Amino acid sequence: MNGIHVNSTAPFFARHPDSNFSIEKFSLYCEVISALQWRKMNGDIFMITDSVAADYYRKCGLEKVWNGISEIIPQDIEGIDPLMFWAAGKLIALRDIPDNAALVDEDLIIWKTLALSETAVTTAHREYLSPDIYPDPSLFGVQGFPLLDRLDKQVLPCNTAFLYIPDSSFRTFYANQAIAFMKAASENRCDDRLCRMVFAEQRLLAMLCELTGTEINTLMDMDRLFIAQDDYTHLWGAKQAMRDNDDYRNGFLERCRKRIRSDFPEYEYVIEAIDSNI
């Protein structure tokens, strides 16, 4: 099965309009290992991105980490607010990826071979309906998205750090609906940079599956997310800790270097490539 990494630079430049694009070193190490481990266990993996990020990866000497880099995400992410919807590039890519391809977040490492259903949607895990993160969507005040009134608000959202949708018609339907919501919401800009994004990406997916009778499988049980296991590493919750704690960050970086040397010795050159360019 093909894997897909996605990187849109629009959110970076919305936050840092006068800066040169860069990726934090710990994030870059994680996405390199994510790509190499996917190739080892599950098949080819491709980076879908825009021209700025593609040039950055090539400048860093990392283009061979993936089986190919495609520059298909527009810099303006089709007019969607890049601060409110920082993962919009991922949904644009989902709309356009070929069949039999799974989206894998760059901060997710899958250590095992996956056996996925060819009828069910597979996501990372379900999430609880915390009102701070998943409020009633009527509170968004979004106009021009009439499908909202038909959706079941009690369905548990899906974490999409991993996402495989085998049915191409449903994949297109979901991606188009998510993009339509983001475009409608971008007309009413606000400081909410979490609730609307996770609605478009995670809650809407579960709602549309419920609406269409599409089955959902998960890689992980949400009630066991914080129990030690060896199948998945998701960096999400550790990113801020690495920014705040030099020892924690440096320890992670050294473990990444050791992992590349031990498991992917033919790619040892990426260590110097990353350390000398970041």
Protein backbone atom coordinates (compact mmCIF):
# COMPACT_ATOMS: atom_id res chain seq x y z
CA MET A 1 0.00 0.00 0.00
CA ASN A 2 1.19 3.52 -0.75
CA GLY A 3 1.61 5.97 2.10
CA ILE A 4 1.25 9.72 1.77
CA HIS A 5 2.94 12.44 3.80
CA VAL A 6 1.57 15.96 3.33
CA ASN A 7 3.24 19.30 4.01
CA SER A 8 1.72 22.67 3.18
CA THR A 9 3.83 25.74 3.97
CA ALA A 10 0.85 28.13 4.05
CA PRO A 11 0.38 27.90 7.87
CA PHE A 12 4.11 28.56 8.44
CA PHE A 13 4.09 31.72 6.33
CA ALA A 14 0.83 32.90 7.89
CA ARG A 15 2.60 32.81 11.27
CA HIS A 16 6.03 33.95 10.03
CA PRO A 17 5.44 36.07 6.91
CA ASP A 18 8.97 37.45 6.75
CA SER A 19 10.88 34.23 7.47
CA ASN A 20 12.47 31.54 5.35
CA PHE A 21 10.66 28.23 5.55
CA SER A 22 12.12 25.69 7.97
CA ILE A 23 11.08 22.60 9.92
CA GLU A 24 12.05 22.03 13.52
CA LYS A 25 14.81 19.46 13.74
CA PHE A 26 12.90 17.03 15.96
CA SER A 27 9.93 17.13 13.57
CA LEU A 28 12.15 16.56 10.56
CA TYR A 29 13.85 13.56 12.17
CA CYS A 30 10.45 12.10 13.06
CA GLU A 31 9.06 12.45 9.54
CA VAL A 32 12.20 10.91 8.03
CA ILE A 33 11.89 7.88 10.30
CA SER A 34 8.14 7.76 9.64
CA ALA A 35 8.82 7.57 5.89
CA LEU A 36 11.66 5.05 6.12
CA GLN A 37 9.75 2.80 8.52
CA TRP A 38 6.69 2.86 6.25
CA ARG A 39 8.88 1.82 3.31
CA LYS A 40 10.33 -0.98 5.39
CA MET A 41 6.99 -2.40 6.58
CA ASN A 42 4.18 -1.26 4.29
CA GLY A 43 5.26 -0.11 0.81
CA ASP A 44 6.09 3.07 -1.05
CA ILE A 45 5.50 6.51 0.48
CA PHE A 46 5.25 9.85 -1.26
CA MET A 47 5.44 13.46 -0.11
CA ILE A 48 2.65 15.69 -1.40
CA THR A 49 3.51 19.31 -0.87
CA ASP A 50 3.98 22.72 -2.45
CA SER A 51 6.99 24.11 -4.30
CA VAL A 52 8.52 25.81 -1.24
CA ALA A 53 8.61 22.68 0.93
CA ALA A 54 9.74 20.55 -2.02
CA ASP A 55 12.70 22.88 -2.55
CA TYR A 56 13.46 22.76 1.18
CA TYR A 57 13.60 18.95 1.27
CA ARG A 58 15.85 18.92 -1.78
CA LYS A 59 18.10 21.59 -0.31
CA CYS A 60 18.45 19.46 2.83
CA GLY A 61 19.35 16.45 0.68
CA LEU A 62 16.30 14.46 1.81
CA GLU A 63 14.44 13.91 -1.47
CA LYS A 64 15.34 10.19 -1.59
CA VAL A 65 13.74 9.54 1.80
CA TRP A 66 10.43 9.30 -0.10
CA ASN A 67 9.68 7.41 -3.29
CA GLY A 68 8.74 10.71 -4.84
CA ILE A 69 7.82 14.33 -4.07
CA SER A 70 4.79 15.87 -5.78
CA GLU A 71 4.21 19.63 -5.76
CA ILE A 72 0.42 19.73 -6.09
CA ILE A 73 -0.75 21.78 -3.10
CA PRO A 74 -1.32 25.45 -4.03
CA GLN A 75 0.47 28.03 -1.92
CA ASP A 76 -2.83 29.77 -1.11
CA ILE A 77 -4.54 26.43 -0.23
CA GLU A 78 -7.48 27.53 -2.36
CA GLY A 79 -8.23 30.60 -0.26
CA ILE A 80 -8.72 28.72 3.01
CA ASP A 81 -7.56 30.52 6.17
CA PRO A 82 -4.20 28.82 6.92
CA LEU A 83 -4.16 29.84 10.59
CA MET A 84 -7.62 28.52 11.37
CA PHE A 85 -7.19 25.45 9.14
CA TRP A 86 -3.55 24.47 9.40
CA ALA A 87 -4.24 20.96 8.05
CA ALA A 88 -6.16 22.16 4.98
CA GLY A 89 -3.35 20.98 2.71
CA LYS A 90 -3.89 17.45 3.98
CA LEU A 91 -7.56 17.51 2.94
CA ILE A 92 -6.71 18.99 -0.46
CA ALA A 93 -4.18 16.19 -0.93
CA LEU A 94 -6.76 13.60 0.17
CA ARG A 95 -9.09 14.78 -2.56
CA ASP A 96 -6.42 14.23 -5.20
CA ILE A 97 -4.45 11.16 -4.08
CA PRO A 98 -4.70 7.90 -6.05
CA ASP A 99 -6.67 4.90 -4.84
CA ASN A 100 -5.08 2.49 -2.34
CA ALA A 101 -3.14 5.22 -0.53
CA ALA A 102 -3.13 6.05 3.19
CA LEU A 103 -2.47 9.44 4.75
CA VAL A 104 0.18 9.20 7.46
CA ASP A 105 0.98 12.25 9.57
CA GLU A 106 4.67 13.09 9.53
CA ASP A 107 4.76 12.87 13.33
CA LEU A 108 3.36 9.32 13.33
CA ILE A 109 5.70 6.32 13.07
CA ILE A 110 4.10 2.94 12.36
CA TRP A 111 6.43 0.15 13.43
CA LYS A 112 4.48 -2.81 12.05
CA THR A 113 2.93 -4.09 8.84
CA LEU A 114 -0.72 -3.08 8.59
CA ALA A 115 -3.56 -5.30 7.41
CA LEU A 116 -6.40 -2.94 6.54
CA SER A 117 -10.00 -3.52 5.57
CA GLU A 118 -10.91 -2.81 1.95
CA THR A 119 -14.43 -1.83 2.92
CA ALA A 120 -14.05 0.17 6.15
CA VAL A 121 -12.44 3.55 6.75
CA THR A 122 -9.40 3.13 9.03
CA THR A 123 -8.31 5.96 11.33
CA ALA A 124 -5.80 6.23 14.16
CA HIS A 125 -8.37 6.11 16.97
CA ARG A 126 -11.64 7.59 18.16
CA GLU A 127 -11.78 10.65 20.43
CA TYR A 128 -14.14 11.70 23.19
CA LEU A 129 -16.55 14.57 22.57
CA SER A 130 -14.87 17.04 24.91
CA PRO A 131 -16.88 20.29 24.69
CA ASP A 132 -13.70 22.37 24.82
CA ILE A 133 -12.40 20.73 21.65
CA TYR A 134 -15.61 19.55 19.99
CA PRO A 135 -18.33 22.10 20.83
CA ASP A 136 -21.73 22.05 19.21
CA PRO A 137 -20.93 22.96 15.57
CA SER A 138 -23.91 25.33 15.46
CA LEU A 139 -21.76 27.67 17.59
CA PHE A 140 -19.39 28.16 14.65
CA GLY A 141 -21.96 30.36 12.91
CA VAL A 142 -20.85 29.04 9.53
CA GLN A 143 -23.12 29.92 6.62
CA GLY A 144 -23.23 28.09 3.30
CA PHE A 145 -22.76 24.56 4.69
CA PRO A 146 -26.32 23.14 4.75
CA LEU A 147 -25.24 19.52 5.24
CA LEU A 148 -24.50 20.34 8.88
CA ASP A 149 -28.17 20.06 9.85
CA ARG A 150 -28.30 16.43 8.69
CA LEU A 151 -25.34 15.18 10.72
CA ASP A 152 -25.44 13.20 13.98
CA LYS A 153 -23.72 15.31 16.63
CA GLN A 154 -23.32 12.37 19.04
CA VAL A 155 -20.88 10.39 16.87
CA LEU A 156 -17.38 10.18 18.34
CA PRO A 157 -14.74 11.95 16.21
CA CYS A 158 -11.89 10.09 14.51
CA ASN A 159 -8.25 11.02 15.02
CA THR A 160 -6.82 11.21 11.51
CA ALA A 161 -3.11 11.00 12.24
CA PHE A 162 -3.65 7.92 10.10
CA LEU A 163 -6.40 7.74 7.50
CA TYR A 164 -7.18 5.12 4.88
CA ILE A 165 -10.41 5.39 2.85
CA PRO A 166 -10.65 2.50 0.39
CA ASP A 167 -13.86 3.74 -1.25
CA SER A 168 -12.75 6.46 -3.67
CA SER A 169 -16.24 7.93 -4.00
CA PHE A 170 -16.59 8.34 -0.22
CA ARG A 171 -13.05 9.74 0.01
CA THR A 172 -13.90 12.39 -2.58
CA PHE A 173 -17.22 13.14 -0.85
CA TYR A 174 -15.57 13.61 2.55
CA ALA A 175 -12.69 15.69 1.20
CA ASN A 176 -15.01 17.95 -0.78
CA GLN A 177 -17.33 18.45 2.19
CA ALA A 178 -14.41 19.25 4.49
CA ILE A 179 -12.99 21.72 1.98
CA ALA A 180 -16.43 23.31 1.52
CA PHE A 181 -16.74 23.75 5.30
CA MET A 182 -13.26 25.29 5.58
CA LYS A 183 -13.97 27.72 2.76
CA ALA A 184 -17.30 28.71 4.29
CA ALA A 185 -15.74 29.14 7.74
CA SER A 186 -12.83 31.15 6.32
CA GLU A 187 -15.35 33.85 5.38
CA ASN A 188 -16.00 34.37 9.09
CA ARG A 189 -12.48 34.59 10.48
CA CYS A 190 -11.90 34.17 14.20
CA ASP A 191 -9.19 33.25 16.68
CA ASP A 192 -10.43 29.67 17.03
CA ARG A 193 -7.50 27.66 15.64
CA LEU A 194 -8.44 24.27 17.04
CA CYS A 195 -12.17 23.55 17.22
CA ARG A 196 -12.95 24.36 13.59
CA MET A 197 -9.94 22.47 12.26
CA VAL A 198 -10.67 19.30 14.18
CA PHE A 199 -14.32 19.55 13.18
CA ALA A 200 -13.43 19.70 9.48
CA GLU A 201 -10.80 16.98 9.66
CA GLN A 202 -11.94 14.60 12.41
CA ARG A 203 -15.51 15.09 13.57
CA LEU A 204 -16.94 15.63 10.10
CA LEU A 205 -15.36 12.38 8.91
CA ALA A 206 -17.14 10.38 11.62
CA MET A 207 -20.42 12.19 10.97
CA LEU A 208 -20.25 11.50 7.23
CA CYS A 209 -19.46 7.84 7.87
CA GLU A 210 -22.55 7.66 10.09
CA LEU A 211 -24.63 9.45 7.46
CA THR A 212 -23.60 7.08 4.68
CA GLY A 213 -23.41 3.87 6.72
CA THR A 214 -19.65 3.58 6.22
CA GLU A 215 -17.86 1.38 8.76
CA ILE A 216 -14.91 2.78 10.75
CA ASN A 217 -11.96 0.74 12.03
CA THR A 218 -9.16 2.11 14.20
CA LEU A 219 -5.50 1.27 14.70
CA MET A 220 -5.63 2.05 18.41
CA ASP A 221 -8.17 1.82 21.22
CA MET A 222 -8.79 5.32 22.62
CA ASP A 223 -9.07 3.87 26.15
CA ARG A 224 -5.53 2.44 25.88
CA LEU A 225 -3.72 5.36 24.26
CA PHE A 226 -1.48 6.02 27.24
CA ILE A 227 -0.55 2.41 27.89
CA ALA A 228 2.93 1.48 26.67
CA GLN A 229 3.00 -0.33 23.31
CA ASP A 230 5.49 -0.92 20.50
CA ASP A 231 3.34 -0.52 17.38
CA TYR A 232 2.97 3.26 17.03
CA THR A 233 4.78 6.44 18.01
CA HIS A 234 2.83 9.71 17.73
CA LEU A 235 4.88 12.80 18.52
CA TRP A 236 1.87 15.12 18.78
CA GLY A 237 1.75 15.60 22.53
CA ALA A 238 5.52 15.82 22.96
CA LYS A 239 6.22 18.67 20.54
CA GLN A 240 5.73 21.53 22.96
CA ALA A 241 7.71 19.70 25.64
CA MET A 242 10.63 19.45 23.21
CA ARG A 243 10.43 23.15 22.48
CA ASP A 244 10.48 23.93 26.19
CA ASN A 245 13.07 21.43 27.42
CA ASP A 246 16.52 21.23 25.79
CA ASP A 247 17.47 17.97 27.51
CA TYR A 248 14.25 16.26 26.46
CA ARG A 249 14.65 17.47 22.88
CA ASN A 250 18.31 16.55 22.63
CA GLY A 251 17.64 13.10 24.03
CA PHE A 252 14.98 12.52 21.39
CA LEU A 253 17.28 13.72 18.62
CA GLU A 254 20.01 11.35 19.70
CA ARG A 255 17.59 8.42 19.81
CA CYS A 256 16.53 9.29 16.26
CA ARG A 257 20.15 9.32 15.08
CA LYS A 258 20.75 5.93 16.70
CA ARG A 259 17.61 4.52 15.12
CA ILE A 260 18.65 5.64 11.64
CA ARG A 261 22.15 4.21 12.07
CA SER A 262 20.84 0.87 13.34
CA ASP A 263 17.73 0.34 11.18
CA PHE A 264 18.48 2.34 8.04
CA PRO A 265 22.28 2.46 7.67
CA GLU A 266 22.01 3.22 3.95
CA TYR A 267 20.32 6.51 4.93
CA GLU A 268 22.89 7.52 7.55
CA TYR A 269 23.75 10.49 5.35
CA VAL A 270 20.46 12.15 6.37
CA ILE A 271 21.84 12.73 9.89
CA GLU A 272 24.48 15.13 8.64
CA ALA A 273 22.02 16.52 6.09
CA ILE A 274 19.54 17.42 8.81
CA ASP A 275 22.02 18.59 11.42
CA SER A 276 23.94 20.79 9.01
CA ASN A 277 20.90 22.42 7.38
CA ILE A 278 18.65 23.15 10.36
